[in-house]
């Protein structure tokens, strides 16, 4: 069996991880990270907690947060969904879960370097959605009036 050089291995990996191919494992990752709760959790842990509009003090420093803080910030998320999403993010190496032996036990979540790199993209996605929501709603209304 011939050995592969590092450049050859990188080139082969690029071919193997082509999300347009049906069997590509990166499709599972895309499915996981494109979830709204993932985007919002990454933004929360990334420091984008301000309720203001995009660009208005949105760039706070990333910080560790307790489960209850995340839950309060993400209006509408169920306990089950938040727990599942946090576990999935930890499983994929996007955040770390730290348990501090206090009474009661303190559990906090913090972005890893990998999670922080994804957060930079999700911040833009969240800002885009907030900035363009009025335009999207107007387009929906226009479409609905034409198709009714």
C-alpha atoms as a PDB file:
ATOM      1  CA  UNK A   1       0.000   0.000   0.000  1.00  0.00           C
ATOM      2  CA  UNK A   2       1.415   3.388  -1.008  1.00  0.00           C
ATOM      3  CA  UNK A   3       1.736   6.057   1.635  1.00  0.00           C
ATOM      4  CA  UNK A   4       0.095   9.430   1.092  1.00  0.00           C
ATOM      5  CA  UNK A   5       1.780  12.754   1.617  1.00  0.00           C
ATOM      6  CA  UNK A   6       0.060  15.367   3.803  1.00  0.00           C
ATOM      7  CA  UNK A   7      -1.012  17.440   0.785  1.00  0.00           C
ATOM      8  CA  UNK A   8      -2.538  14.348  -0.830  1.00  0.00           C
ATOM      9  CA  UNK A   9      -4.431  13.529   2.371  1.00  0.00           C
ATOM     10  CA  UNK A  10      -5.830  17.086   2.531  1.00  0.00           C
ATOM     11  CA  UNK A  11      -6.888  16.913  -1.121  1.00  0.00           C
ATOM     12  CA  UNK A  12      -8.600  13.561  -0.547  1.00  0.00           C
ATOM     13  CA  UNK A  13     -10.386  14.917   2.540  1.00  0.00           C
ATOM     14  CA  UNK A  14     -11.758  17.822   0.489  1.00  0.00           C
ATOM     15  CA  UNK A  15     -13.255  15.323  -1.951  1.00  0.00           C
ATOM     16  CA  UNK A  16     -14.602  13.091   0.822  1.00  0.00           C
ATOM     17  CA  UNK A  17     -16.282  15.980   2.636  1.00  0.00           C
ATOM     18  CA  UNK A  18     -18.338  17.378  -0.224  1.00  0.00           C
ATOM     19  CA  UNK A  19     -21.747  18.288   1.220  1.00  0.00           C
ATOM     20  CA  UNK A  20     -23.319  18.019  -2.223  1.00  0.00           C
ATOM     21  CA  UNK A  21     -22.699  14.254  -2.164  1.00  0.00           C
ATOM     22  CA  UNK A  22     -25.484  12.191  -0.587  1.00  0.00           C
ATOM     23  CA  UNK A  23     -23.219  10.158   1.690  1.00  0.00           C
ATOM     24  CA  UNK A  24     -21.115  13.037   2.966  1.00  0.00           C
ATOM     25  CA  UNK A  25     -20.923  13.148   6.779  1.00  0.00           C
ATOM     26  CA  UNK A  26     -20.740  16.941   6.681  1.00  0.00           C
ATOM     27  CA  UNK A  27     -24.462  16.909   5.817  1.00  0.00           C
ATOM     28  CA  UNK A  28     -25.192  15.687   9.343  1.00  0.00           C
ATOM     29  CA  UNK A  29     -23.089  18.500  10.744  1.00  0.00           C
ATOM     30  CA  UNK A  30     -24.852  21.076   8.554  1.00  0.00           C
ATOM     31  CA  UNK A  31     -28.193  19.717   9.737  1.00  0.00           C
ATOM     32  CA  UNK A  32     -27.087  20.062  13.351  1.00  0.00           C
ATOM     33  CA  UNK A  33     -25.589  23.552  13.170  1.00  0.00           C
ATOM     34  CA  UNK A  34     -28.344  25.068  11.030  1.00  0.00           C
ATOM     35  CA  UNK A  35     -30.893  24.662  13.834  1.00  0.00           C
ATOM     36  CA  UNK A  36     -32.271  27.940  15.229  1.00  0.00           C
ATOM     37  CA  UNK A  37     -31.479  26.954  18.817  1.00  0.00           C
ATOM     38  CA  UNK A  38     -27.849  26.226  17.898  1.00  0.00           C
ATOM     39  CA  UNK A  39     -27.526  29.647  16.277  1.00  0.00           C
ATOM     40  CA  UNK A  40     -29.070  31.384  19.288  1.00  0.00           C
ATOM     41  CA  UNK A  41     -27.025  29.442  21.860  1.00  0.00           C
ATOM     42  CA  UNK A  42     -23.798  30.216  19.999  1.00  0.00           C
ATOM     43  CA  UNK A  43     -24.772  33.889  19.835  1.00  0.00           C
ATOM     44  CA  UNK A  44     -25.605  33.923  23.548  1.00  0.00           C
ATOM     45  CA  UNK A  45     -22.330  32.282  24.579  1.00  0.00           C
ATOM     46  CA  UNK A  46     -20.482  34.479  22.105  1.00  0.00           C
ATOM     47  CA  UNK A  47     -21.633  37.566  23.973  1.00  0.00           C
ATOM     48  CA  UNK A  48     -24.351  38.706  21.576  1.00  0.00           C
ATOM     49  CA  UNK A  49     -26.870  38.986  24.406  1.00  0.00           C
ATOM     50  CA  UNK A  50     -27.970  42.550  23.865  1.00  0.00           C
ATOM     51  CA  UNK A  51     -31.566  42.951  22.835  1.00  0.00           C
ATOM     52  CA  UNK A  52     -30.658  45.871  20.603  1.00  0.00           C
ATOM     53  CA  UNK A  53     -30.611  45.931  16.844  1.00  0.00           C
ATOM     54  CA  UNK A  54     -27.672  44.620  14.818  1.00  0.00           C
ATOM     55  CA  UNK A  55     -24.483  46.544  15.305  1.00  0.00           C
ATOM     56  CA  UNK A  56     -25.679  48.109  18.561  1.00  0.00           C
ATOM     57  CA  UNK A  57     -23.284  46.828  21.221  1.00  0.00           C
ATOM     58  CA  UNK A  58     -23.643  43.304  19.821  1.00  0.00           C
ATOM     59  CA  UNK A  59     -19.956  42.518  20.113  1.00  0.00           C
ATOM     60  CA  UNK A  60     -19.550  41.747  23.806  1.00  0.00           C
ATOM     61  CA  UNK A  61     -16.843  39.251  24.755  1.00  0.00           C
ATOM     62  CA  UNK A  62     -17.655  35.529  24.787  1.00  0.00           C
ATOM     63  CA  UNK A  63     -18.470  34.274  28.259  1.00  0.00           C
ATOM     64  CA  UNK A  64     -19.454  31.190  30.196  1.00  0.00           C
ATOM     65  CA  UNK A  65     -23.123  30.968  31.086  1.00  0.00           C
ATOM     66  CA  UNK A  66     -25.143  28.776  33.399  1.00  0.00           C
ATOM     67  CA  UNK A  67     -27.999  26.674  32.057  1.00  0.00           C
ATOM     68  CA  UNK A  68     -30.580  28.910  33.730  1.00  0.00           C
ATOM     69  CA  UNK A  69     -29.065  32.046  32.152  1.00  0.00           C
ATOM     70  CA  UNK A  70     -29.237  30.513  28.690  1.00  0.00           C
ATOM     71  CA  UNK A  71     -32.779  29.313  29.310  1.00  0.00           C
ATOM     72  CA  UNK A  72     -33.952  32.774  30.391  1.00  0.00           C
ATOM     73  CA  UNK A  73     -32.275  34.430  27.420  1.00  0.00           C
ATOM     74  CA  UNK A  74     -33.767  32.072  24.820  1.00  0.00           C
ATOM     75  CA  UNK A  75     -37.477  32.756  25.152  1.00  0.00           C
ATOM     76  CA  UNK A  76     -39.550  29.789  24.034  1.00  0.00           C
ATOM     77  CA  UNK A  77     -36.960  27.019  24.235  1.00  0.00           C
ATOM     78  CA  UNK A  78     -38.146  23.961  26.151  1.00  0.00           C
ATOM     79  CA  UNK A  79     -35.977  22.380  28.834  1.00  0.00           C
ATOM     80  CA  UNK A  80     -35.750  19.197  26.749  1.00  0.00           C
ATOM     81  CA  UNK A  81     -34.684  21.042  23.571  1.00  0.00           C
ATOM     82  CA  UNK A  82     -32.131  23.187  25.392  1.00  0.00           C
ATOM     83  CA  UNK A  83     -30.603  20.139  27.086  1.00  0.00           C
ATOM     84  CA  UNK A  84     -30.462  18.157  23.826  1.00  0.00           C
ATOM     85  CA  UNK A  85     -28.930  21.075  21.935  1.00  0.00           C
ATOM     86  CA  UNK A  86     -26.291  21.758  24.598  1.00  0.00           C
ATOM     87  CA  UNK A  87     -25.337  18.058  24.665  1.00  0.00           C
ATOM     88  CA  UNK A  88     -25.066  17.973  20.891  1.00  0.00           C
ATOM     89  CA  UNK A  89     -22.868  21.079  20.838  1.00  0.00           C
ATOM     90  CA  UNK A  90     -20.630  19.539  23.505  1.00  0.00           C
ATOM     91  CA  UNK A  91     -20.510  16.235  21.576  1.00  0.00           C
ATOM     92  CA  UNK A  92     -19.358  18.096  18.445  1.00  0.00           C
ATOM     93  CA  UNK A  93     -16.688  20.017  20.366  1.00  0.00           C
ATOM     94  CA  UNK A  94     -18.345  23.425  19.977  1.00  0.00           C
ATOM     95  CA  UNK A  95     -18.723  24.090  23.687  1.00  0.00           C
ATOM     96  CA  UNK A  96     -17.453  22.792  26.990  1.00  0.00           C
ATOM     97  CA  UNK A  97     -19.567  21.924  30.000  1.00  0.00           C
ATOM     98  CA  UNK A  98     -17.939  22.613  33.358  1.00  0.00           C
ATOM     99  CA  UNK A  99     -19.352  21.194  36.581  1.00  0.00           C
ATOM    100  CA  UNK A 100     -18.279  22.974  39.768  1.00  0.00           C
ATOM    101  CA  UNK A 101     -18.843  20.983  42.989  1.00  0.00           C
ATOM    102  CA  UNK A 102     -20.788  23.541  44.986  1.00  0.00           C
ATOM    103  CA  UNK A 103     -24.062  23.261  46.870  1.00  0.00           C
ATOM    104  CA  UNK A 104     -26.055  23.132  44.677  1.00  0.00           C
ATOM    105  CA  UNK A 105     -23.793  21.984  41.838  1.00  0.00           C
ATOM    106  CA  UNK A 106     -22.960  24.739  39.334  1.00  0.00           C
ATOM    107  CA  UNK A 107     -22.857  23.846  35.643  1.00  0.00           C
ATOM    108  CA  UNK A 108     -21.637  26.342  33.065  1.00  0.00           C
ATOM    109  CA  UNK A 109     -21.200  26.271  29.304  1.00  0.00           C
ATOM    110  CA  UNK A 110     -18.541  28.051  27.268  1.00  0.00           C
ATOM    111  CA  UNK A 111     -17.579  28.128  23.595  1.00  0.00           C
ATOM    112  CA  UNK A 112     -14.472  26.265  22.494  1.00  0.00           C
ATOM    113  CA  UNK A 113     -12.203  27.760  19.837  1.00  0.00           C
ATOM    114  CA  UNK A 114     -14.092  25.680  17.276  1.00  0.00           C
ATOM    115  CA  UNK A 115     -17.431  26.970  18.606  1.00  0.00           C
ATOM    116  CA  UNK A 116     -16.150  30.527  18.587  1.00  0.00           C
ATOM    117  CA  UNK A 117     -15.176  30.223  14.926  1.00  0.00           C
ATOM    118  CA  UNK A 118     -18.726  29.062  14.106  1.00  0.00           C
ATOM    119  CA  UNK A 119     -20.179  31.821  16.310  1.00  0.00           C
ATOM    120  CA  UNK A 120     -18.632  34.470  14.067  1.00  0.00           C
ATOM    121  CA  UNK A 121     -20.774  33.146  11.216  1.00  0.00           C
ATOM    122  CA  UNK A 122     -23.940  32.681  13.251  1.00  0.00           C
ATOM    123  CA  UNK A 123     -23.670  36.276  14.486  1.00  0.00           C
ATOM    124  CA  UNK A 124     -23.903  37.444  10.876  1.00  0.00           C
ATOM    125  CA  UNK A 125     -26.838  35.135  10.193  1.00  0.00           C
ATOM    126  CA  UNK A 126     -28.724  36.394  13.252  1.00  0.00           C
ATOM    127  CA  UNK A 127     -28.006  40.016  12.353  1.00  0.00           C
ATOM    128  CA  UNK A 128     -29.154  39.443   8.774  1.00  0.00           C
ATOM    129  CA  UNK A 129     -32.436  37.917   9.975  1.00  0.00           C
ATOM    130  CA  UNK A 130     -33.099  40.813  12.362  1.00  0.00           C
ATOM    131  CA  UNK A 131     -32.167  43.454   9.781  1.00  0.00           C
ATOM    132  CA  UNK A 132     -34.258  42.025   6.935  1.00  0.00           C
ATOM    133  CA  UNK A 133     -37.299  40.690   8.809  1.00  0.00           C
ATOM    134  CA  UNK A 134     -39.559  43.609   7.833  1.00  0.00           C
ATOM    135  CA  UNK A 135     -38.675  43.136   4.164  1.00  0.00           C
ATOM    136  CA  UNK A 136     -39.297  39.375   4.368  1.00  0.00           C
ATOM    137  CA  UNK A 137     -42.676  39.944   6.038  1.00  0.00           C
ATOM    138  CA  UNK A 138     -43.650  42.408   3.299  1.00  0.00           C
ATOM    139  CA  UNK A 139     -42.635  39.883   0.627  1.00  0.00           C
ATOM    140  CA  UNK A 140     -44.682  37.164   2.329  1.00  0.00           C
ATOM    141  CA  UNK A 141     -47.701  39.441   2.441  1.00  0.00           C
ATOM    142  CA  UNK A 142     -47.238  40.352  -1.231  1.00  0.00           C
ATOM    143  CA  UNK A 143     -46.891  36.690  -2.208  1.00  0.00           C
ATOM    144  CA  UNK A 144     -49.930  35.650  -0.182  1.00  0.00           C
ATOM    145  CA  UNK A 145     -52.080  38.383  -1.748  1.00  0.00           C
ATOM    146  CA  UNK A 146     -51.102  37.187  -5.261  1.00  0.00           C
ATOM    147  CA  UNK A 147     -51.690  33.490  -4.567  1.00  0.00           C
ATOM    148  CA  UNK A 148     -54.949  33.755  -2.649  1.00  0.00           C
END
